[in-house]
Amino acid sequence: MPPKVKKPATPSNTNAIEDTKPIIQQGPPGVFRRLAVIVYDSFLLFAVLFVATLIPAYILSPEMFAAKPANDSVVHELNIPMQGWIYRVYLVALIILFYGWFWRKSGQTLGMQAWRIKLESVSGGKPSWSQCVIRVLVAGVSFTAGGLGYWWIWLDKEGRSWHDLASKTVLRSIPKDKKKA
């Protein structure tokens, strides 16, 4: 059977016209979809932070990575610089870069792609770097405050969280693609 060729858009061929329509986006996602995205993304973020921690650990304490005799005891201590504020700032910067890169590239992290959620600025475009930084920092505050920033979407008429409001961004649900027969 020969492959099907798409016909040019004409009034009698409405399927071709439907293919060129932009993706219709629905309202904001609920709390549980947002939390599912957080769980999904946390696995990837954990791996990134794990590797990012190995780099300074190796630079600061290469002897920890050297082969040791079998009877040597294991020491579970980090080097002192790995416990300070510089290390914490390094990790926060990596978290901001992680989310910022995904949001600036396509508006979606891997978890957001899986759960069909997209981040946009209020004007409808991609969020700026300053919006990404504000969003990550306020999301951290939202989370550490017992999740109040996330639960806030039940009180807000437009379903926005604290970090949506602070960064002037919105999350949109993307509908499933309908399979074509």
N, C-alpha and C. Protein backbone atom coordinates (compact mmCIF):
# COMPACT_ATOMS: atom_id res chain seq x y z
N MET A 1 0.85 -1.17 0.00
CA MET A 1 0.00 0.00 0.00
C MET A 1 0.90 1.24 0.00
N PRO A 2 0.68 2.19 -0.90
CA PRO A 2 1.53 3.39 -0.96
C PRO A 2 1.29 4.28 0.26
N PRO A 3 2.33 5.04 0.68
CA PRO A 3 2.16 5.92 1.84
C PRO A 3 1.16 7.03 1.54
N LYS A 4 0.44 7.43 2.58
CA LYS A 4 -0.55 8.49 2.44
C LYS A 4 0.16 9.84 2.38
N VAL A 5 -0.27 10.68 1.47
CA VAL A 5 0.30 12.00 1.29
C VAL A 5 -0.70 13.01 1.79
N LYS A 6 -0.25 13.97 2.58
CA LYS A 6 -1.15 15.01 3.07
C LYS A 6 -1.53 15.92 1.92
N LYS A 7 -2.82 16.18 1.84
CA LYS A 7 -3.31 17.10 0.82
C LYS A 7 -3.17 18.52 1.33
N PRO A 8 -2.98 19.50 0.42
CA PRO A 8 -2.91 20.88 0.86
C PRO A 8 -4.21 21.32 1.50
N ALA A 9 -4.14 22.32 2.37
CA ALA A 9 -5.32 22.80 3.08
C ALA A 9 -6.30 23.46 2.12
N THR A 10 -7.47 22.89 2.06
CA THR A 10 -8.57 23.44 1.26
C THR A 10 -9.81 23.37 2.11
N PRO A 11 -10.87 24.08 1.72
CA PRO A 11 -12.09 24.01 2.52
C PRO A 11 -12.64 22.59 2.64
N SER A 12 -12.40 21.74 1.64
CA SER A 12 -12.92 20.37 1.70
C SER A 12 -12.02 19.46 2.51
N ASN A 13 -10.80 19.89 2.82
CA ASN A 13 -9.86 19.07 3.58
C ASN A 13 -9.58 19.73 4.93
N THR A 14 -10.48 19.58 5.89
CA THR A 14 -10.35 20.24 7.19
C THR A 14 -9.30 19.59 8.08
N ASN A 15 -8.94 18.32 7.83
CA ASN A 15 -7.93 17.66 8.66
C ASN A 15 -6.57 18.35 8.55
N ALA A 16 -6.23 18.80 7.35
CA ALA A 16 -4.94 19.49 7.16
C ALA A 16 -4.93 20.81 7.89
N ILE A 17 -6.08 21.50 7.97
CA ILE A 17 -6.16 22.76 8.68
C ILE A 17 -6.00 22.53 10.17
N GLU A 18 -6.59 21.46 10.70
CA GLU A 18 -6.48 21.16 12.13
C GLU A 18 -5.04 20.85 12.53
N ASP A 19 -4.25 20.27 11.61
CA ASP A 19 -2.87 19.93 11.92
C ASP A 19 -2.00 21.16 12.15
N THR A 20 -2.38 22.30 11.59
CA THR A 20 -1.56 23.50 11.71
C THR A 20 -1.98 24.38 12.88
N LYS A 21 -3.02 24.01 13.62
CA LYS A 21 -3.47 24.80 14.76
C LYS A 21 -2.46 24.72 15.89
N PRO A 22 -2.28 25.82 16.64
CA PRO A 22 -1.39 25.75 17.81
C PRO A 22 -2.00 24.88 18.90
N ILE A 23 -1.15 24.42 19.82
CA ILE A 23 -1.62 23.60 20.93
C ILE A 23 -2.53 24.44 21.82
N ILE A 24 -3.72 23.94 22.09
CA ILE A 24 -4.65 24.63 22.97
C ILE A 24 -4.27 24.27 24.40
N GLN A 25 -4.06 25.28 25.22
CA GLN A 25 -3.66 25.04 26.59
C GLN A 25 -4.83 25.28 27.53
N GLN A 26 -4.94 24.42 28.52
CA GLN A 26 -6.01 24.52 29.50
C GLN A 26 -5.55 25.37 30.66
N GLY A 27 -6.35 25.39 31.71
CA GLY A 27 -6.05 26.17 32.91
C GLY A 27 -4.88 25.61 33.69
N PRO A 28 -4.65 26.17 34.87
CA PRO A 28 -3.50 25.74 35.68
C PRO A 28 -3.70 24.32 36.23
N PRO A 29 -2.60 23.59 36.40
CA PRO A 29 -2.70 22.23 36.96
C PRO A 29 -2.97 22.30 38.46
N GLY A 30 -3.49 21.22 38.99
CA GLY A 30 -3.80 21.15 40.42
C GLY A 30 -2.57 20.86 41.26
N VAL A 31 -2.79 20.88 42.56
CA VAL A 31 -1.71 20.65 43.52
C VAL A 31 -1.07 19.28 43.32
N PHE A 32 -1.86 18.26 43.13
CA PHE A 32 -1.31 16.91 43.08
C PHE A 32 -0.50 16.67 41.81
N ARG A 33 -0.90 17.28 40.69
CA ARG A 33 -0.08 17.17 39.47
C ARG A 33 1.23 17.91 39.66
N ARG A 34 1.20 19.05 40.32
CA ARG A 34 2.43 19.80 40.59
C ARG A 34 3.36 18.99 41.49
N LEU A 35 2.80 18.35 42.51
CA LEU A 35 3.62 17.53 43.41
C LEU A 35 4.19 16.31 42.68
N ALA A 36 3.42 15.74 41.76
CA ALA A 36 3.93 14.62 40.97
C ALA A 36 5.11 15.06 40.12
N VAL A 37 5.05 16.26 39.57
CA VAL A 37 6.17 16.81 38.80
C VAL A 37 7.39 16.98 39.69
N ILE A 38 7.18 17.46 40.91
CA ILE A 38 8.29 17.66 41.84
C ILE A 38 8.97 16.33 42.14
N VAL A 39 8.19 15.29 42.39
CA VAL A 39 8.76 13.97 42.67
C VAL A 39 9.53 13.47 41.46
N TYR A 40 8.94 13.59 40.29
CA TYR A 40 9.57 13.12 39.05
C TYR A 40 10.89 13.85 38.82
N ASP A 41 10.86 15.19 38.93
CA ASP A 41 12.07 15.98 38.69
C ASP A 41 13.11 15.78 39.78
N SER A 42 12.68 15.45 40.99
CA SER A 42 13.64 15.30 42.09
C SER A 42 14.59 14.13 41.84
N PHE A 43 14.14 13.10 41.14
CA PHE A 43 15.04 11.98 40.83
C PHE A 43 16.18 12.44 39.92
N LEU A 44 15.85 13.18 38.89
CA LEU A 44 16.88 13.68 37.98
C LEU A 44 17.75 14.72 38.68
N LEU A 45 17.14 15.60 39.45
CA LEU A 45 17.91 16.62 40.17
C LEU A 45 18.85 15.98 41.19
N PHE A 46 18.41 14.92 41.85
CA PHE A 46 19.28 14.21 42.80
C PHE A 46 20.52 13.68 42.09
N ALA A 47 20.34 13.11 40.92
CA ALA A 47 21.48 12.58 40.16
C ALA A 47 22.44 13.71 39.77
N VAL A 48 21.89 14.83 39.34
CA VAL A 48 22.74 15.97 38.96
C VAL A 48 23.52 16.48 40.17
N LEU A 49 22.84 16.64 41.30
CA LEU A 49 23.51 17.13 42.50
C LEU A 49 24.52 16.12 43.05
N PHE A 50 24.24 14.84 42.88
CA PHE A 50 25.18 13.81 43.31
C PHE A 50 26.50 13.93 42.55
N VAL A 51 26.40 14.03 41.23
CA VAL A 51 27.61 14.18 40.41
C VAL A 51 28.29 15.51 40.71
N ALA A 52 27.48 16.55 40.89
CA ALA A 52 28.04 17.88 41.18
C ALA A 52 28.75 17.90 42.54
N THR A 53 28.37 17.04 43.45
CA THR A 53 29.03 16.96 44.75
C THR A 53 30.33 16.16 44.64
N LEU A 54 30.36 15.18 43.77
CA LEU A 54 31.59 14.40 43.60
C LEU A 54 32.75 15.24 43.08
N ILE A 55 32.45 16.22 42.25
CA ILE A 55 33.51 17.03 41.65
C ILE A 55 34.28 17.81 42.72
N PRO A 56 33.65 18.64 43.55
CA PRO A 56 34.45 19.33 44.57
C PRO A 56 34.99 18.38 45.64
N ALA A 57 34.29 17.29 45.91
CA ALA A 57 34.79 16.33 46.90
C ALA A 57 36.10 15.72 46.41
N TYR A 58 36.18 15.42 45.13
CA TYR A 58 37.42 14.86 44.59
C TYR A 58 38.54 15.90 44.57
N ILE A 59 38.19 17.14 44.24
CA ILE A 59 39.20 18.19 44.20
C ILE A 59 39.74 18.49 45.61
N LEU A 60 38.84 18.56 46.59
CA LEU A 60 39.24 18.92 47.95
C LEU A 60 39.83 17.75 48.73
N SER A 61 39.42 16.53 48.42
CA SER A 61 39.89 15.36 49.18
C SER A 61 40.15 14.19 48.25
N PRO A 62 41.15 14.26 47.39
CA PRO A 62 41.39 13.15 46.46
C PRO A 62 41.79 11.85 47.17
N GLU A 63 42.30 11.97 48.40
CA GLU A 63 42.69 10.76 49.14
C GLU A 63 41.49 9.88 49.48
N MET A 64 40.29 10.46 49.54
CA MET A 64 39.08 9.66 49.83
C MET A 64 38.76 8.71 48.69
N PHE A 65 39.22 9.03 47.47
CA PHE A 65 38.90 8.23 46.30
C PHE A 65 40.01 7.23 45.97
N ALA A 66 41.10 7.27 46.70
CA ALA A 66 42.22 6.35 46.46
C ALA A 66 41.87 4.97 46.99
N ALA A 67 42.43 3.95 46.36
CA ALA A 67 42.20 2.57 46.81
C ALA A 67 42.83 2.38 48.18
N LYS A 68 42.08 1.74 49.08
CA LYS A 68 42.55 1.53 50.45
C LYS A 68 42.59 0.04 50.75
N PRO A 69 43.43 -0.35 51.68
CA PRO A 69 43.45 -1.77 52.08
C PRO A 69 42.10 -2.19 52.66
N ALA A 70 41.79 -3.46 52.59
CA ALA A 70 40.50 -4.00 53.02
C ALA A 70 40.26 -3.81 54.51
N ASN A 71 41.29 -3.76 55.32
CA ASN A 71 41.11 -3.63 56.77
C ASN A 71 41.00 -2.18 57.22
N ASP A 72 41.08 -1.24 56.31
CA ASP A 72 40.99 0.18 56.66
C ASP A 72 39.53 0.53 57.00
N SER A 73 39.34 1.34 58.00
CA SER A 73 37.97 1.71 58.40
C SER A 73 37.42 2.78 57.45
N VAL A 74 36.12 2.85 57.42
CA VAL A 74 35.45 3.82 56.56
C VAL A 74 35.15 5.06 57.40
N VAL A 75 35.46 6.22 56.85
CA VAL A 75 35.20 7.47 57.54
C VAL A 75 34.07 8.18 56.80
N HIS A 76 33.02 8.51 57.52
CA HIS A 76 31.86 9.17 56.91
C HIS A 76 31.84 10.65 57.27
N GLU A 77 32.86 11.34 56.86
CA GLU A 77 32.93 12.76 57.13
C GLU A 77 33.25 13.50 55.84
N LEU A 78 32.59 14.63 55.68
CA LEU A 78 32.90 15.48 54.54
C LEU A 78 34.04 16.42 54.91
N ASN A 79 34.76 16.83 53.91
CA ASN A 79 35.79 17.83 54.12
C ASN A 79 35.09 19.11 54.61
N ILE A 80 35.73 19.88 55.46
CA ILE A 80 35.13 21.07 56.07
C ILE A 80 34.56 22.04 55.02
N PRO A 81 35.25 22.34 53.92
CA PRO A 81 34.65 23.25 52.93
C PRO A 81 33.35 22.72 52.33
N MET A 82 33.16 21.40 52.35
CA MET A 82 31.93 20.82 51.79
C MET A 82 30.75 21.00 52.74
N GLN A 83 30.96 21.56 53.92
CA GLN A 83 29.88 21.77 54.86
C GLN A 83 29.52 23.24 55.00
N GLY A 84 30.24 24.12 54.36
CA GLY A 84 30.06 25.55 54.55
C GLY A 84 29.03 26.18 53.63
N TRP A 85 28.91 27.50 53.77
CA TRP A 85 27.91 28.24 53.02
C TRP A 85 28.27 28.32 51.53
N ILE A 86 29.55 28.27 51.20
CA ILE A 86 29.95 28.31 49.78
C ILE A 86 29.42 27.07 49.05
N TYR A 87 29.52 25.94 49.72
CA TYR A 87 29.01 24.70 49.13
C TYR A 87 27.49 24.77 48.94
N ARG A 88 26.79 25.34 49.91
CA ARG A 88 25.33 25.47 49.80
C ARG A 88 24.94 26.42 48.67
N VAL A 89 25.66 27.51 48.54
CA VAL A 89 25.40 28.45 47.44
C VAL A 89 25.66 27.76 46.10
N TYR A 90 26.72 26.96 46.04
CA TYR A 90 27.04 26.17 44.84
C TYR A 90 25.87 25.25 44.47
N LEU A 91 25.31 24.55 45.44
CA LEU A 91 24.18 23.66 45.16
C LEU A 91 22.94 24.43 44.74
N VAL A 92 22.64 25.55 45.39
CA VAL A 92 21.48 26.36 45.00
C VAL A 92 21.67 26.90 43.59
N ALA A 93 22.89 27.32 43.26
CA ALA A 93 23.17 27.80 41.90
C ALA A 93 22.94 26.69 40.88
N LEU A 94 23.34 25.48 41.21
CA LEU A 94 23.11 24.35 40.30
C LEU A 94 21.62 24.06 40.13
N ILE A 95 20.86 24.16 41.22
CA ILE A 95 19.42 23.94 41.14
C ILE A 95 18.77 25.01 40.25
N ILE A 96 19.20 26.25 40.42
CA ILE A 96 18.67 27.34 39.58
C ILE A 96 19.04 27.10 38.11
N LEU A 97 20.28 26.69 37.85
CA LEU A 97 20.69 26.39 36.48
C LEU A 97 19.91 25.22 35.90
N PHE A 98 19.68 24.20 36.70
CA PHE A 98 18.93 23.03 36.25
C PHE A 98 17.54 23.43 35.78
N TYR A 99 16.78 24.09 36.66
CA TYR A 99 15.42 24.48 36.29
C TYR A 99 15.41 25.58 35.23
N GLY A 100 16.29 26.56 35.39
CA GLY A 100 16.34 27.66 34.43
C GLY A 100 16.63 27.20 33.03
N TRP A 101 17.55 26.25 32.89
CA TRP A 101 17.89 25.74 31.55
C TRP A 101 16.67 25.08 30.90
N PHE A 102 15.97 24.23 31.63
CA PHE A 102 14.78 23.57 31.08
C PHE A 102 13.68 24.59 30.77
N TRP A 103 13.42 25.49 31.70
CA TRP A 103 12.33 26.45 31.51
C TRP A 103 12.62 27.42 30.38
N ARG A 104 13.88 27.84 30.25
CA ARG A 104 14.23 28.77 29.17
C ARG A 104 14.26 28.06 27.81
N LYS A 105 14.59 26.78 27.81
CA LYS A 105 14.68 26.02 26.56
C LYS A 105 13.30 25.73 25.98
N SER A 106 12.44 25.10 26.80
CA SER A 106 11.14 24.67 26.27
C SER A 106 9.97 24.98 27.18
N GLY A 107 10.24 25.55 28.36
CA GLY A 107 9.16 25.82 29.29
C GLY A 107 8.76 24.60 30.11
N GLN A 108 9.50 23.50 29.95
CA GLN A 108 9.15 22.26 30.63
C GLN A 108 10.39 21.50 31.09
N THR A 109 10.33 21.00 32.32
CA THR A 109 11.33 20.04 32.78
C THR A 109 10.86 18.66 32.30
N LEU A 110 11.63 17.63 32.58
CA LEU A 110 11.20 16.29 32.16
C LEU A 110 9.91 15.86 32.87
N GLY A 111 9.81 16.20 34.15
CA GLY A 111 8.59 15.89 34.88
C GLY A 111 7.39 16.64 34.33
N MET A 112 7.60 17.89 33.94
CA MET A 112 6.52 18.69 33.37
C MET A 112 6.08 18.12 32.02
N GLN A 113 7.03 17.59 31.25
CA GLN A 113 6.68 16.96 29.98
C GLN A 113 5.83 15.73 30.21
N ALA A 114 6.22 14.93 31.20
CA ALA A 114 5.48 13.70 31.49
C ALA A 114 4.06 13.99 31.98
N TRP A 115 3.90 15.06 32.75
CA TRP A 115 2.59 15.40 33.31
C TRP A 115 1.88 16.49 32.51
N ARG A 116 2.42 16.81 31.33
CA ARG A 116 1.80 17.76 30.41
C ARG A 116 1.51 19.11 31.06
N ILE A 117 2.56 19.72 31.58
CA ILE A 117 2.47 21.05 32.19
C ILE A 117 3.54 21.92 31.55
N LYS A 118 3.23 23.17 31.30
CA LYS A 118 4.19 24.09 30.69
C LYS A 118 4.25 25.38 31.48
N LEU A 119 5.46 25.92 31.65
CA LEU A 119 5.67 27.19 32.35
C LEU A 119 5.81 28.30 31.32
N GLU A 120 5.10 29.39 31.56
CA GLU A 120 5.17 30.56 30.69
C GLU A 120 5.22 31.81 31.56
N SER A 121 5.74 32.88 30.99
CA SER A 121 5.62 34.16 31.69
C SER A 121 4.17 34.61 31.54
N VAL A 122 3.76 35.57 32.33
CA VAL A 122 2.38 36.04 32.28
C VAL A 122 2.04 36.57 30.88
N SER A 123 3.03 37.11 30.18
CA SER A 123 2.80 37.63 28.83
C SER A 123 2.68 36.53 27.79
N GLY A 124 2.95 35.29 28.16
CA GLY A 124 2.79 34.16 27.25
C GLY A 124 4.07 33.63 26.64
N GLY A 125 5.19 34.28 26.87
CA GLY A 125 6.46 33.83 26.32
C GLY A 125 7.25 32.97 27.30
N LYS A 126 8.49 32.69 26.92
CA LYS A 126 9.37 31.94 27.81
C LYS A 126 9.75 32.82 28.99
N PRO A 127 9.90 32.23 30.16
CA PRO A 127 10.30 33.04 31.33
C PRO A 127 11.75 33.51 31.18
N SER A 128 12.03 34.68 31.73
CA SER A 128 13.39 35.22 31.71
C SER A 128 14.21 34.54 32.81
N TRP A 129 15.54 34.76 32.76
CA TRP A 129 16.39 34.18 33.80
C TRP A 129 16.04 34.74 35.17
N SER A 130 15.70 36.02 35.24
CA SER A 130 15.34 36.58 36.55
C SER A 130 14.06 35.95 37.07
N GLN A 131 13.11 35.67 36.19
CA GLN A 131 11.89 34.99 36.62
C GLN A 131 12.20 33.57 37.09
N CYS A 132 13.11 32.90 36.42
CA CYS A 132 13.49 31.54 36.82
C CYS A 132 14.15 31.54 38.21
N VAL A 133 15.04 32.50 38.44
CA VAL A 133 15.73 32.58 39.74
C VAL A 133 14.72 32.86 40.84
N ILE A 134 13.85 33.84 40.63
CA ILE A 134 12.83 34.17 41.63
C ILE A 134 11.93 32.97 41.88
N ARG A 135 11.54 32.29 40.82
CA ARG A 135 10.63 31.13 40.95
C ARG A 135 11.27 30.02 41.78
N VAL A 136 12.54 29.70 41.52
CA VAL A 136 13.21 28.63 42.27
C VAL A 136 13.36 29.02 43.74
N LEU A 137 13.79 30.25 44.00
CA LEU A 137 14.00 30.67 45.39
C LEU A 137 12.69 30.71 46.18
N VAL A 138 11.64 31.26 45.59
CA VAL A 138 10.35 31.33 46.29
C VAL A 138 9.73 29.94 46.41
N ALA A 139 9.96 29.06 45.43
CA ALA A 139 9.47 27.68 45.53
C ALA A 139 10.13 26.97 46.70
N GLY A 140 11.41 27.27 46.94
CA GLY A 140 12.09 26.70 48.10
C GLY A 140 11.47 27.17 49.40
N VAL A 141 11.13 28.45 49.47
CA VAL A 141 10.45 29.00 50.65
C VAL A 141 9.06 28.36 50.78
N SER A 142 8.36 28.22 49.66
CA SER A 142 7.02 27.61 49.67
C SER A 142 7.07 26.20 50.23
N PHE A 143 8.09 25.46 49.81
CA PHE A 143 8.23 24.07 50.23
C PHE A 143 8.61 23.96 51.69
N THR A 144 9.57 24.79 52.13
CA THR A 144 10.03 24.71 53.51
C THR A 144 9.01 25.26 54.50
N ALA A 145 8.05 26.01 54.02
CA ALA A 145 6.98 26.52 54.89
C ALA A 145 5.85 25.50 54.99
N GLY A 146 6.20 24.24 54.90
CA GLY A 146 5.19 23.18 55.02
C GLY A 146 4.34 23.04 53.77
N GLY A 147 4.84 23.53 52.66
CA GLY A 147 4.09 23.43 51.41
C GLY A 147 3.01 24.48 51.25
N LEU A 148 2.98 25.47 52.13
CA LEU A 148 1.92 26.49 52.07
C LEU A 148 1.86 27.20 50.73
N GLY A 149 3.01 27.43 50.12
CA GLY A 149 3.03 28.10 48.82
C GLY A 149 2.35 27.29 47.74
N TYR A 150 2.39 25.96 47.88
CA TYR A 150 1.72 25.09 46.92
C TYR A 150 0.23 24.98 47.22
N TRP A 151 -0.09 24.86 48.49
CA TRP A 151 -1.51 24.74 48.87
C TRP A 151 -2.27 26.04 48.59
N TRP A 152 -1.53 27.13 48.41
CA TRP A 152 -2.12 28.44 48.16
C TRP A 152 -2.98 28.44 46.90
N ILE A 153 -2.71 27.53 45.97
CA ILE A 153 -3.49 27.53 44.72
C ILE A 153 -4.96 27.22 44.96
N TRP A 154 -5.27 26.62 46.11
CA TRP A 154 -6.68 26.38 46.44
C TRP A 154 -7.37 27.67 46.87
N LEU A 155 -6.61 28.65 47.33
CA LEU A 155 -7.19 29.92 47.76
C LEU A 155 -7.20 30.96 46.64
N ASP A 156 -6.24 30.88 45.73
CA ASP A 156 -6.14 31.85 44.65
C ASP A 156 -7.18 31.54 43.58
N LYS A 157 -7.88 32.55 43.12
CA LYS A 157 -8.94 32.35 42.13
C LYS A 157 -8.41 31.84 40.79
N GLU A 158 -7.16 32.18 40.48
CA GLU A 158 -6.57 31.76 39.22
C GLU A 158 -5.67 30.54 39.38
N GLY A 159 -5.65 29.93 40.57
CA GLY A 159 -4.87 28.72 40.81
C GLY A 159 -3.37 28.94 40.78
N ARG A 160 -2.90 30.06 41.31
CA ARG A 160 -1.47 30.37 41.32
C ARG A 160 -0.86 30.09 42.68
N SER A 161 0.38 29.64 42.67
CA SER A 161 1.13 29.41 43.91
C SER A 161 1.94 30.66 44.23
N TRP A 162 2.62 30.64 45.38
CA TRP A 162 3.44 31.78 45.77
C TRP A 162 4.51 32.08 44.72
N HIS A 163 5.16 31.03 44.22
CA HIS A 163 6.23 31.26 43.25
C HIS A 163 5.69 31.68 41.89
N ASP A 164 4.46 31.31 41.56
CA ASP A 164 3.84 31.84 40.34
C ASP A 164 3.64 33.35 40.48
N LEU A 165 3.11 33.75 41.63
CA LEU A 165 2.84 35.17 41.87
C LEU A 165 4.12 36.00 41.93
N ALA A 166 5.11 35.50 42.65
CA ALA A 166 6.35 36.26 42.83
C ALA A 166 7.13 36.41 41.53
N SER A 167 7.15 35.37 40.70
CA SER A 167 7.95 35.39 39.47
C SER A 167 7.16 35.86 38.25
N LYS A 168 5.88 36.12 38.44
CA LYS A 168 5.02 36.56 37.32
C LYS A 168 5.04 35.53 36.19
N THR A 169 4.89 34.27 36.59
CA THR A 169 4.80 33.17 35.63
C THR A 169 3.52 32.39 35.90
N VAL A 170 3.14 31.55 34.94
CA VAL A 170 1.96 30.71 35.10
C VAL A 170 2.27 29.31 34.60
N LEU A 171 1.63 28.34 35.22
CA LEU A 171 1.70 26.97 34.73
C LEU A 171 0.41 26.68 33.99
N ARG A 172 0.54 26.03 32.85
CA ARG A 172 -0.62 25.67 32.04
C ARG A 172 -0.64 24.16 31.85
N SER A 173 -1.83 23.60 31.88
CA SER A 173 -1.99 22.19 31.54
C SER A 173 -2.10 22.07 30.03
N ILE A 174 -1.43 21.09 29.48
CA ILE A 174 -1.49 20.84 28.04
C ILE A 174 -2.34 19.59 27.84
N PRO A 175 -3.39 19.66 27.00
CA PRO A 175 -4.25 18.49 26.80
C PRO A 175 -3.51 17.39 26.05
N LYS A 176 -3.99 16.16 26.23
CA LYS A 176 -3.43 15.03 25.52
C LYS A 176 -3.71 15.16 24.03
N ASP A 177 -2.75 14.68 23.23
CA ASP A 177 -2.99 14.66 21.79
C ASP A 177 -3.97 13.55 21.50
N LYS A 178 -4.95 13.86 20.65
CA LYS A 178 -5.91 12.84 20.27
C LYS A 178 -5.28 12.00 19.16
N LYS A 179 -5.36 10.69 19.33
CA LYS A 179 -4.77 9.79 18.33
C LYS A 179 -5.62 9.84 17.07
N LYS A 180 -4.92 9.92 15.95
CA LYS A 180 -5.62 9.98 14.66
C LYS A 180 -5.82 8.59 14.13
N ALA A 181 -6.98 8.36 13.58
CA ALA A 181 -7.30 7.04 13.05
C ALA A 181 -6.67 6.82 11.70
